[in-house]
Amino acid sequence: MKNIAIITAMECEYNAIYSLYKFQGDNSKSHTQIYDKNIYLIKSGIGKVNASIAALSAIENGADIVITTGLAGGIDVSLSQGDIVLADKIAYHDVYCGEPNEKGQVQDFPLYYNLSPEILKNNLKEIDSGYFRLGLILTGDQFICDKDKLLQIKSDFSRGLAVDMESAAIAQVCHIFQKECISLRIISDVVGKENQEEQYRTFWDNVPTKSAEMIDVILKNI
């Protein structure tokens, strides 16, 4: 039986997943069984350090696959609030270790952390149906609302679709311990669009059904 950890950063994200199934636990760690899988739900707190600690704890407790999910900011004009992005690649946008490393690359680690071909294949039918957008998710310890910062990130990573504050840190920990990492994010706001900050503040007043359905789809297909 597979052991899968789902990591969210914030309480609102945690509660959205908690409401899906019959979890047992408290408001930061809980567990259940669904689709012949053991599921562990963890609230990490915001940012790369908190995310890394949560990922390490999950792996030390037997997780084979770690899913990071929750909000992300859209950095591509093709996206709208409520869209879902499944990462085929994950990278940092705020890391630079100097030559000969590339922008976003932690020295001695890959620039990109890739979704496993098997997991991608199992979910392709969902992607083809338009349920997910497939692309690059970028991570940094910053809430991106400045247009100049957006343009810099897009210049460095033209394929970037979304930014968050946890995915790459979790992916790096999974890489170290040879575990699979999945990043699945729902767009709360789109950088550079009118009323971006208002979009973000009001997003969780009416959580889209897709924010729960997206996890259910993945769990069925891994």
Protein backbone atom coordinates (compact mmCIF):
# COMPACT_ATOMS: atom_id res chain seq x y z
CA MET A 1 0.00 0.00 0.00
CA LYS A 2 1.41 3.39 -0.99
CA ASN A 3 2.03 6.00 1.67
CA ILE A 4 1.30 9.51 0.39
CA ALA A 5 1.86 12.78 2.24
CA ILE A 6 -0.06 15.91 1.27
CA ILE A 7 1.56 19.12 2.46
CA THR A 8 -0.23 22.46 2.60
CA ALA A 9 1.22 25.70 3.90
CA MET A 10 -1.81 27.47 5.36
CA GLU A 11 -4.79 26.50 7.51
CA CYS A 12 -7.32 27.38 4.81
CA GLU A 13 -5.52 25.06 2.37
CA TYR A 14 -5.31 22.32 4.99
CA ASN A 15 -9.03 22.59 5.79
CA ALA A 16 -9.99 22.36 2.12
CA ILE A 17 -8.24 18.99 1.84
CA TYR A 18 -9.37 17.83 5.29
CA SER A 19 -13.00 18.22 4.21
CA LEU A 20 -12.51 15.77 1.33
CA TYR A 21 -12.28 12.52 3.30
CA LYS A 22 -12.72 11.13 6.81
CA PHE A 23 -9.40 12.25 8.25
CA GLN A 24 -8.39 11.53 11.83
CA GLY A 25 -6.12 13.97 13.57
CA ASP A 26 -5.84 17.61 14.55
CA ASN A 27 -5.53 20.92 12.74
CA SER A 28 -1.93 20.35 11.64
CA LYS A 29 -1.51 16.57 11.09
CA SER A 30 -4.09 13.95 10.19
CA HIS A 31 -4.42 10.69 8.28
CA THR A 32 -6.89 8.50 6.42
CA GLN A 33 -7.06 5.64 3.91
CA ILE A 34 -8.55 6.11 0.43
CA TYR A 35 -8.13 4.29 -2.90
CA ASP A 36 -6.03 1.63 -1.14
CA LYS A 37 -3.51 4.28 -0.08
CA ASN A 38 -2.44 5.66 3.28
CA ILE A 39 -2.84 9.44 3.17
CA TYR A 40 -1.12 11.81 5.58
CA LEU A 41 -2.13 15.48 5.62
CA ILE A 42 0.34 17.99 7.03
CA LYS A 43 0.14 21.76 7.54
CA SER A 44 3.71 23.00 7.21
CA GLY A 45 3.50 26.76 7.52
CA ILE A 46 4.57 29.20 4.83
CA GLY A 47 7.98 29.25 3.16
CA LYS A 48 10.86 27.03 2.16
CA VAL A 49 12.19 26.17 5.63
CA ASN A 50 8.78 25.13 6.98
CA ALA A 51 8.11 23.15 3.81
CA SER A 52 11.45 21.33 4.04
CA ILE A 53 10.84 20.34 7.66
CA ALA A 54 7.40 18.98 6.78
CA ALA A 55 8.73 17.03 3.80
CA LEU A 56 11.54 15.50 5.87
CA SER A 57 9.08 14.53 8.60
CA ALA A 58 6.76 12.93 6.04
CA ILE A 59 9.56 10.90 4.46
CA GLU A 60 10.96 9.80 7.84
CA ASN A 61 7.47 8.54 8.66
CA GLY A 62 7.30 6.40 5.52
CA ALA A 63 5.93 8.62 2.73
CA ASP A 64 6.70 7.24 -0.73
CA ILE A 65 5.19 10.24 -2.55
CA VAL A 66 4.89 13.83 -1.33
CA ILE A 67 2.25 16.11 -2.80
CA THR A 68 2.47 19.84 -2.24
CA THR A 69 -0.73 21.71 -2.93
CA GLY A 70 -2.47 24.99 -2.26
CA LEU A 71 -2.43 28.49 -3.67
CA ALA A 72 -0.03 29.90 -6.25
CA GLY A 73 0.25 33.19 -8.05
CA GLY A 74 -0.14 33.07 -11.81
CA ILE A 75 2.72 34.62 -13.79
CA ASP A 76 1.42 33.92 -17.27
CA VAL A 77 -1.26 36.06 -18.92
CA SER A 78 -3.02 32.93 -20.20
CA LEU A 79 -4.00 32.01 -16.63
CA SER A 80 -7.02 33.11 -14.65
CA GLN A 81 -8.05 32.82 -11.02
CA GLY A 82 -9.19 29.25 -10.31
CA ASP A 83 -7.02 27.59 -12.97
CA ILE A 84 -5.05 24.53 -11.87
CA VAL A 85 -1.37 24.01 -12.65
CA LEU A 86 0.30 20.61 -12.42
CA ALA A 87 4.09 20.98 -12.43
CA ASP A 88 6.01 18.92 -14.94
CA LYS A 89 9.07 20.79 -13.63
CA ILE A 90 9.82 22.70 -10.43
CA ALA A 91 12.61 25.21 -9.80
CA TYR A 92 13.64 28.10 -7.55
CA HIS A 93 13.33 31.63 -8.92
CA ASP A 94 15.23 33.32 -6.07
CA VAL A 95 18.40 31.19 -5.88
CA TYR A 96 21.77 31.99 -7.39
CA CYS A 97 24.97 30.25 -6.23
CA GLY A 98 27.32 31.87 -8.74
CA GLU A 99 29.13 30.42 -11.74
CA PRO A 100 29.02 27.78 -13.10
CA ASN A 101 25.54 27.25 -11.63
CA GLU A 102 22.48 28.45 -13.49
CA LYS A 103 19.98 30.91 -12.06
CA GLY A 104 17.66 28.93 -9.81
CA GLN A 105 20.12 26.07 -9.26
CA VAL A 106 21.34 25.12 -5.80
CA GLN A 107 24.95 24.02 -6.23
CA ASP A 108 25.30 20.23 -6.63
CA PHE A 109 21.57 19.87 -7.33
CA PRO A 110 19.65 19.94 -10.61
CA LEU A 111 18.12 23.16 -11.85
CA TYR A 112 14.77 21.46 -12.45
CA TYR A 113 13.00 18.80 -10.40
CA ASN A 114 10.85 16.76 -12.78
CA LEU A 115 7.53 15.02 -12.31
CA SER A 116 8.00 11.28 -12.82
CA PRO A 117 7.07 10.09 -16.34
CA GLU A 118 4.83 7.39 -14.84
CA ILE A 119 2.78 9.84 -12.78
CA LEU A 120 2.56 12.20 -15.73
CA LYS A 121 1.41 9.40 -18.02
CA ASN A 122 -1.27 8.29 -15.54
CA ASN A 123 -2.70 11.81 -15.45
CA LEU A 124 -2.39 12.75 -19.13
CA LYS A 125 -6.04 12.07 -19.83
CA GLU A 126 -6.96 14.65 -17.22
CA ILE A 127 -4.51 17.17 -18.65
CA ASP A 128 -5.80 16.56 -22.18
CA SER A 129 -9.34 17.23 -21.02
CA GLY A 130 -8.34 20.69 -19.88
CA TYR A 131 -8.59 19.89 -16.17
CA PHE A 132 -4.96 20.85 -15.50
CA ARG A 133 -2.44 23.18 -17.07
CA LEU A 134 0.89 21.43 -17.28
CA GLY A 135 4.04 23.48 -16.84
CA LEU A 136 6.79 24.99 -14.71
CA ILE A 137 6.14 26.06 -11.12
CA LEU A 138 8.71 28.34 -9.48
CA THR A 139 9.43 28.83 -5.78
CA GLY A 140 10.81 31.68 -3.74
CA ASP A 141 10.37 33.20 -0.29
CA GLN A 142 8.45 36.13 -1.72
CA PHE A 143 4.85 37.09 -2.42
CA ILE A 144 5.10 38.35 -6.01
CA CYS A 145 2.96 41.40 -6.71
CA ASP A 146 5.48 43.70 -8.39
CA LYS A 147 5.32 43.83 -12.18
CA ASP A 148 9.08 44.42 -12.53
CA LYS A 149 9.78 41.33 -10.43
CA LEU A 150 7.37 39.34 -12.60
CA LEU A 151 9.16 40.45 -15.75
CA GLN A 152 12.50 39.40 -14.27
CA ILE A 153 11.17 35.95 -13.37
CA LYS A 154 9.65 35.52 -16.84
CA SER A 155 12.93 36.61 -18.38
CA ASP A 156 14.79 33.96 -16.37
CA PHE A 157 12.11 31.27 -16.83
CA SER A 158 9.99 31.90 -19.90
CA ARG A 159 8.00 28.67 -19.37
CA GLY A 160 7.00 29.64 -15.84
CA LEU A 161 3.28 29.45 -15.15
CA ALA A 162 3.02 29.97 -11.41
CA VAL A 163 4.96 30.96 -8.29
CA ASP A 164 4.65 29.64 -4.77
CA MET A 165 6.75 29.54 -1.60
CA GLU A 166 7.15 25.80 -0.97
CA SER A 167 7.26 23.46 -3.99
CA ALA A 168 10.96 23.53 -4.90
CA ALA A 169 12.05 23.10 -1.28
CA ILE A 170 9.86 20.01 -0.96
CA ALA A 171 11.09 18.74 -4.34
CA GLN A 172 14.71 19.15 -3.23
CA VAL A 173 14.12 17.13 -0.07
CA CYS A 174 12.38 14.42 -2.13
CA HIS A 175 15.32 14.42 -4.54
CA ILE A 176 17.76 13.85 -1.67
CA PHE A 177 15.76 10.88 -0.38
CA GLN A 178 14.77 9.58 -3.83
CA LYS A 179 11.03 10.07 -3.33
CA GLU A 180 8.47 11.32 -5.82
CA CYS A 181 7.23 14.90 -5.55
CA ILE A 182 4.05 16.29 -7.09
CA SER A 183 3.16 19.98 -7.09
CA LEU A 184 -0.45 20.77 -7.88
CA ARG A 185 -1.54 24.38 -7.43
CA ILE A 186 -4.67 26.47 -7.87
CA ILE A 187 -4.21 30.02 -9.09
CA SER A 188 -5.42 32.54 -6.51
CA ASP A 189 -4.38 35.67 -8.40
CA VAL A 190 -2.46 36.61 -11.53
CA VAL A 191 0.52 38.95 -11.19
CA GLY A 192 0.14 42.14 -13.20
CA LYS A 193 -3.61 41.83 -13.71
CA GLU A 194 -5.92 44.52 -12.39
CA ASN A 195 -7.01 44.04 -8.75
CA GLN A 196 -4.45 41.29 -8.15
CA GLU A 197 -4.20 41.86 -4.40
CA GLU A 198 -7.99 41.99 -4.06
CA GLN A 199 -8.20 38.69 -5.97
CA TYR A 200 -5.84 37.10 -3.46
CA ARG A 201 -7.63 38.47 -0.37
CA THR A 202 -11.06 37.27 -1.47
CA PHE A 203 -10.06 33.96 -3.05
CA TRP A 204 -10.72 31.80 0.00
CA ASP A 205 -14.08 33.46 0.70
CA ASN A 206 -15.46 31.05 -1.90
CA VAL A 207 -13.06 28.16 -2.41
CA PRO A 208 -13.58 26.69 -5.89
CA THR A 209 -14.70 23.08 -5.94
CA LYS A 210 -11.70 22.33 -8.14
CA SER A 211 -9.33 23.02 -5.23
CA ALA A 212 -10.58 19.78 -3.68
CA GLU A 213 -11.26 17.83 -6.87
CA MET A 214 -7.70 18.30 -8.11
CA ILE A 215 -6.27 16.25 -5.22
CA ASP A 216 -8.89 13.53 -5.65
CA VAL A 217 -7.95 13.15 -9.34
CA ILE A 218 -4.26 12.78 -8.51
CA LEU A 219 -4.85 10.27 -5.72
CA LYS A 220 -6.90 8.11 -8.06
CA ASN A 221 -4.13 8.11 -10.66
CA ILE A 222 -0.99 7.39 -8.62
